[in-house]
Amino acid sequence: MKIYLLAITAIFALTGCELPKEDNRFTSARLAPDGKRGVFVFKRELYYPAKMGLLGSGQEARYLVNLSIIGVYDMASGKVRVLHRRDNGNVYIHENADFHVREIQGSKALMTDDDRKHYWLDLESGELTALPLAEELAARGREPGVLYLVDEKGTLISVNKPLPGQPKTSSTEEIWLRRASGEYERISEVRPMADGYYGFKEDEVHFYSAAERAYLIYNLDSRTFRKGNPREIPRRSYDQVIDFRAGEHGSPQPLIGRKIDGKWDYQEVKINTEELR
């Protein structure tokens, strides 16, 4: 890639023409729960910027390279493996509308694209499979909501709201379960903005039920409820001691964070981005 860019630079320096702009960045990154590997999205762009026209509509941006790359970073060795590449052609895709890593369990990752499209990513084969989650929930009058991947089988939890125009229920938000088979279950209503009132651990959902006025635990295997304890609701942020993420609007390198004495210390990863092609 460097030789390619140097050649382009030399040609345009001799001809006096405008040089293309290069913009490479990591736009999304997330650490697997076991802390052994992280999944990231890398954007590689080489393009002529758009130009405003004095009398006409101007000139749109023209891309020479426009790739969205999904890869895996091994936390112990620092090795990188590319899983999936998408050539975006001459279409500008903002990082907010590109691939994002949402959840990881075992060798399975839940990815989104433009917020409304969902995919399963196999971290071993790199296979990317469409998941019609938004359509399935819309058929039930619900938005996709906040998603949690419970296990490697593909069990999903959605904490969601009704679609606009749908009849209002007693609670604004509800917890829905999607099993790997595609079967859906409504588990309970939840308080609006109630992040601290529910959690997930070992095939169980811990939550506060306003209808029952009690904390409950739902076992995904036995499909039974039992009384819970608010002090035992699992909270990922409390247990988390290492993190892997990208900057808010993309960054030259992903960041590895380590919690020391309750405070986060973030350092840049040193990935050779020339390997990401």
Protein backbone atom coordinates (compact mmCIF):
# COMPACT_ATOMS: atom_id res chain seq x y z
CA MET A 1 0.00 0.00 0.00
CA LYS A 2 2.86 2.42 0.81
CA ILE A 3 4.54 1.77 -2.57
CA TYR A 4 1.17 2.31 -4.26
CA LEU A 5 0.65 5.65 -2.49
CA LEU A 6 4.22 6.79 -3.20
CA ALA A 7 3.72 6.06 -6.90
CA ILE A 8 0.49 8.05 -6.96
CA THR A 9 2.18 10.94 -5.12
CA ALA A 10 5.07 11.00 -7.61
CA ILE A 11 2.76 11.00 -10.62
CA PHE A 12 0.64 13.84 -9.32
CA ALA A 13 3.68 15.87 -8.24
CA LEU A 14 5.01 15.71 -11.81
CA THR A 15 1.69 16.53 -13.46
CA GLY A 16 0.65 19.20 -10.95
CA CYS A 17 -2.69 17.51 -10.37
CA GLU A 18 -4.48 17.31 -7.03
CA LEU A 19 -3.50 14.45 -4.75
CA PRO A 20 -6.16 12.10 -3.37
CA LYS A 21 -6.85 12.19 0.36
CA GLU A 22 -6.16 9.19 2.58
CA ASP A 23 -8.33 8.52 5.65
CA ASN A 24 -7.80 5.32 7.64
CA ARG A 25 -9.29 4.71 11.09
CA PHE A 26 -10.74 2.15 13.50
CA THR A 27 -14.45 2.89 13.92
CA SER A 28 -15.64 0.13 16.28
CA ALA A 29 -14.02 -2.36 18.66
CA ARG A 30 -15.19 -4.67 21.43
CA LEU A 31 -13.58 -7.21 23.74
CA ALA A 32 -14.86 -10.77 24.10
CA PRO A 33 -16.07 -11.60 27.65
CA ASP A 34 -13.14 -13.99 28.17
CA GLY A 35 -10.71 -11.12 27.52
CA LYS A 36 -8.69 -13.16 25.03
CA ARG A 37 -9.56 -11.38 21.77
CA GLY A 38 -11.18 -8.26 20.47
CA VAL A 39 -13.18 -7.68 17.29
CA PHE A 40 -12.73 -4.42 15.39
CA VAL A 41 -13.90 -2.53 12.29
CA PHE A 42 -11.32 -0.65 10.21
CA LYS A 43 -12.11 1.89 7.48
CA ARG A 44 -9.61 2.37 4.64
CA GLU A 45 -10.33 5.28 2.28
CA LEU A 46 -8.39 6.92 -0.54
CA TYR A 47 -10.43 9.49 -2.45
CA TYR A 48 -10.72 12.82 -4.19
CA PRO A 49 -12.84 15.10 -1.97
CA ALA A 50 -16.09 16.56 -3.25
CA LYS A 51 -15.95 20.03 -4.78
CA MET A 52 -18.46 22.84 -4.69
CA GLY A 53 -19.49 24.17 -8.10
CA LEU A 54 -19.64 27.90 -8.78
CA LEU A 55 -22.59 27.63 -11.13
CA GLY A 56 -23.54 23.96 -11.10
CA SER A 57 -23.93 21.14 -8.63
CA GLY A 58 -20.19 20.62 -8.20
CA GLN A 59 -18.33 17.32 -8.12
CA GLU A 60 -19.00 14.41 -5.78
CA ALA A 61 -16.23 12.61 -3.93
CA ARG A 62 -14.54 9.91 -6.02
CA TYR A 63 -13.06 6.88 -4.26
CA LEU A 64 -9.99 4.94 -5.32
CA VAL A 65 -10.14 2.74 -2.19
CA ASN A 66 -13.22 2.45 0.01
CA LEU A 67 -13.12 -0.60 2.29
CA SER A 68 -14.79 -1.66 5.54
CA ILE A 69 -12.72 -4.40 7.19
CA ILE A 70 -13.67 -6.59 10.16
CA GLY A 71 -10.82 -8.24 12.04
CA VAL A 72 -9.80 -9.99 15.25
CA TYR A 73 -7.02 -8.88 17.59
CA ASP A 74 -5.38 -11.46 19.88
CA MET A 75 -4.84 -9.79 23.26
CA ALA A 76 -1.90 -12.01 24.28
CA SER A 77 0.15 -12.11 21.06
CA GLY A 78 -1.00 -8.89 19.38
CA LYS A 79 -1.62 -10.81 16.16
CA VAL A 80 -4.34 -9.62 13.78
CA ARG A 81 -6.55 -11.68 11.48
CA VAL A 82 -8.85 -10.17 8.83
CA LEU A 83 -12.27 -11.86 8.79
CA HIS A 84 -14.37 -9.87 6.32
CA ARG A 85 -13.86 -7.15 3.73
CA ARG A 86 -16.54 -5.05 2.08
CA ASP A 87 -15.82 -2.81 -0.90
CA ASN A 88 -18.15 0.18 -0.59
CA GLY A 89 -17.48 1.32 -4.15
CA ASN A 90 -18.04 5.03 -4.65
CA VAL A 91 -20.58 5.35 -1.84
CA TYR A 92 -19.70 7.42 1.21
CA ILE A 93 -20.56 5.57 4.43
CA HIS A 94 -20.32 7.47 7.70
CA GLU A 95 -18.82 5.46 10.56
CA ASN A 96 -22.16 5.62 12.40
CA ALA A 97 -23.79 3.80 9.47
CA ASP A 98 -21.01 1.25 8.99
CA PHE A 99 -20.38 -2.11 10.67
CA HIS A 100 -20.36 -2.04 14.47
CA VAL A 101 -19.40 -4.77 16.91
CA ARG A 102 -22.28 -5.13 19.37
CA GLU A 103 -21.81 -8.34 21.36
CA ILE A 104 -19.43 -11.31 21.45
CA GLN A 105 -19.87 -14.78 22.93
CA GLY A 106 -17.42 -17.58 22.17
CA SER A 107 -16.86 -17.74 18.41
CA LYS A 108 -19.99 -15.72 17.58
CA ALA A 109 -20.30 -11.94 17.32
CA LEU A 110 -23.41 -9.84 16.78
CA MET A 111 -22.76 -7.08 14.23
CA THR A 112 -24.93 -4.20 13.10
CA ASP A 113 -24.82 -2.14 9.93
CA ASP A 114 -26.66 1.17 9.64
CA ASP A 115 -28.34 0.30 13.01
CA ARG A 116 -31.24 -1.53 11.32
CA LYS A 117 -29.30 -4.44 9.79
CA HIS A 118 -27.99 -7.24 11.97
CA TYR A 119 -25.53 -10.05 11.27
CA TRP A 120 -23.95 -13.07 12.89
CA LEU A 121 -20.17 -13.13 12.43
CA ASP A 122 -18.33 -16.43 12.87
CA LEU A 123 -14.94 -15.54 14.39
CA GLU A 124 -13.34 -18.73 13.09
CA SER A 125 -14.51 -18.84 9.45
CA GLY A 126 -15.26 -15.12 8.99
CA GLU A 127 -18.71 -15.97 7.60
CA LEU A 128 -21.16 -13.07 7.88
CA THR A 129 -24.83 -14.12 7.98
CA ALA A 130 -27.78 -11.72 7.83
CA LEU A 131 -30.11 -11.80 10.84
CA PRO A 132 -33.61 -10.32 10.17
CA LEU A 133 -33.96 -9.11 13.75
CA ALA A 134 -35.50 -5.70 13.00
CA GLU A 135 -38.11 -7.26 10.71
CA GLU A 136 -38.97 -9.99 13.24
CA LEU A 137 -39.49 -7.53 16.07
CA ALA A 138 -41.39 -5.09 13.85
CA ALA A 139 -43.84 -7.92 13.10
CA ARG A 140 -44.42 -8.02 16.88
CA GLY A 141 -44.82 -4.25 17.11
CA ARG A 142 -41.42 -3.69 18.75
CA GLU A 143 -38.19 -1.86 17.96
CA PRO A 144 -34.87 -3.77 18.10
CA GLY A 145 -33.91 -1.86 21.24
CA VAL A 146 -30.77 -2.56 23.28
CA LEU A 147 -29.39 -6.01 22.43
CA TYR A 148 -27.48 -8.52 24.55
CA LEU A 149 -25.96 -11.75 23.28
CA VAL A 150 -26.44 -14.30 26.06
CA ASP A 151 -24.54 -17.32 24.71
CA GLU A 152 -22.62 -18.71 21.75
CA LYS A 153 -25.74 -20.50 20.52
CA GLY A 154 -27.19 -17.14 19.55
CA THR A 155 -29.68 -16.48 22.35
CA LEU A 156 -30.51 -12.78 22.33
CA ILE A 157 -32.13 -10.38 24.79
CA SER A 158 -33.78 -7.22 23.48
CA VAL A 159 -34.80 -4.44 25.88
CA ASN A 160 -37.11 -2.53 23.58
CA LYS A 161 -39.97 -0.09 23.08
CA PRO A 162 -43.11 -0.33 20.92
CA LEU A 163 -42.91 0.97 17.38
CA PRO A 164 -44.35 4.46 16.83
CA GLY A 165 -48.11 4.26 16.45
CA GLN A 166 -48.42 0.97 18.34
CA PRO A 167 -50.84 0.70 21.30
CA LYS A 168 -49.12 1.63 24.55
CA THR A 169 -48.62 -1.07 27.17
CA SER A 170 -48.45 -0.56 30.91
CA SER A 171 -44.70 -0.07 30.59
CA THR A 172 -42.70 1.82 28.00
CA GLU A 173 -39.94 -0.80 27.81
CA GLU A 174 -40.04 -4.60 27.82
CA ILE A 175 -37.55 -7.47 27.90
CA TRP A 176 -37.89 -9.90 25.00
CA LEU A 177 -35.97 -13.12 24.46
CA ARG A 178 -35.04 -14.53 21.05
CA ARG A 179 -33.82 -18.12 21.15
CA ALA A 180 -31.38 -19.48 18.58
CA SER A 181 -34.30 -21.29 16.91
CA GLY A 182 -35.96 -17.93 16.18
CA GLU A 183 -38.61 -18.37 18.91
CA TYR A 184 -39.56 -15.18 20.78
CA GLU A 185 -40.72 -14.76 24.39
CA ARG A 186 -41.84 -11.64 26.19
CA ILE A 187 -40.24 -11.92 29.63
CA SER A 188 -41.33 -8.77 31.44
CA GLU A 189 -41.84 -5.04 31.43
CA VAL A 190 -39.04 -2.89 32.83
CA ARG A 191 -38.77 0.61 34.14
CA PRO A 192 -37.83 3.23 31.53
CA MET A 193 -34.08 3.93 31.50
CA ALA A 194 -33.65 1.06 33.97
CA ASP A 195 -30.13 -0.14 33.10
CA GLY A 196 -29.36 -0.92 36.74
CA TYR A 197 -32.55 -2.95 37.23
CA TYR A 198 -31.69 -5.90 35.00
CA GLY A 199 -28.71 -8.08 34.07
CA PHE A 200 -27.75 -11.44 32.59
CA LYS A 201 -25.58 -14.25 33.89
CA GLU A 202 -25.27 -18.01 33.29
CA ASP A 203 -28.44 -18.44 31.20
CA GLU A 204 -30.54 -16.35 33.57
CA VAL A 205 -32.17 -12.93 33.36
CA HIS A 206 -32.25 -10.88 36.57
CA PHE A 207 -34.72 -7.99 36.58
CA TYR A 208 -37.18 -5.89 38.56
CA SER A 209 -40.83 -6.48 37.68
CA ALA A 210 -43.07 -3.48 38.29
CA ALA A 211 -46.14 -5.70 37.86
CA GLU A 212 -44.96 -8.11 40.57
CA ARG A 213 -43.25 -5.36 42.58
CA ALA A 214 -40.36 -7.74 43.09
CA TYR A 215 -36.98 -8.73 41.73
CA LEU A 216 -37.21 -11.90 39.67
CA ILE A 217 -34.87 -14.33 37.91
CA TYR A 218 -35.91 -16.10 34.70
CA ASN A 219 -34.05 -19.30 33.82
CA LEU A 220 -33.72 -19.68 30.04
CA ASP A 221 -33.36 -23.46 30.17
CA SER A 222 -36.21 -24.37 32.54
CA ARG A 223 -38.36 -21.36 31.49
CA THR A 224 -39.25 -20.72 35.13
CA PHE A 225 -39.27 -17.65 37.36
CA ARG A 226 -38.03 -17.35 40.93
CA LYS A 227 -37.52 -14.51 43.38
CA GLY A 228 -34.27 -12.59 43.07
CA ASN A 229 -32.15 -10.22 45.12
CA PRO A 230 -31.46 -6.64 43.95
CA ARG A 231 -27.94 -6.88 45.38
CA GLU A 232 -27.18 -9.87 43.18
CA ILE A 233 -28.15 -8.39 39.81
CA PRO A 234 -25.06 -8.93 37.58
CA ARG A 235 -23.62 -5.72 36.22
CA ARG A 236 -20.94 -6.02 33.55
CA SER A 237 -19.44 -2.61 34.17
CA TYR A 238 -18.63 -3.50 37.78
CA ASP A 239 -16.87 -6.77 36.90
CA GLN A 240 -15.05 -5.38 33.87
CA VAL A 241 -11.31 -4.77 34.39
CA ILE A 242 -10.11 -4.68 30.76
CA ASP A 243 -11.62 -2.96 27.72
CA PHE A 244 -11.02 -2.80 23.96
CA ARG A 245 -12.62 0.03 22.01
CA ALA A 246 -12.25 2.63 19.28
CA GLY A 247 -12.48 6.39 19.65
CA GLU A 248 -15.89 8.01 19.63
CA HIS A 249 -15.53 9.20 16.02
CA GLY A 250 -12.91 6.70 14.96
CA SER A 251 -9.24 6.59 15.96
CA PRO A 252 -5.85 5.75 14.36
CA GLN A 253 -5.56 2.73 16.66
CA PRO A 254 -7.94 0.82 18.94
CA LEU A 255 -7.55 1.47 22.67
CA ILE A 256 -6.91 -1.10 25.38
CA GLY A 257 -8.13 -0.02 28.79
CA ARG A 258 -7.19 -1.49 32.15
CA LYS A 259 -8.96 -0.63 35.38
CA ILE A 260 -6.44 0.15 38.11
CA ASP A 261 -7.71 1.06 41.58
CA GLY A 262 -11.14 1.74 40.10
CA LYS A 263 -9.84 4.08 37.38
CA TRP A 264 -9.45 3.35 33.67
CA ASP A 265 -6.09 3.77 31.92
CA TYR A 266 -6.28 3.58 28.10
CA GLN A 267 -3.32 3.00 25.78
CA GLU A 268 -3.21 2.75 21.99
CA VAL A 269 -2.72 -0.66 20.37
CA LYS A 270 0.12 -0.86 17.85
CA ILE A 271 -1.52 -2.61 14.88
CA ASN A 272 0.30 -2.48 11.56
CA THR A 273 -2.59 -1.21 9.45
CA GLU A 274 -0.73 -2.17 6.25
CA GLU A 275 -1.80 -5.73 7.10
CA LEU A 276 -5.45 -4.67 6.90
CA ARG A 277 -6.20 -4.80 3.19
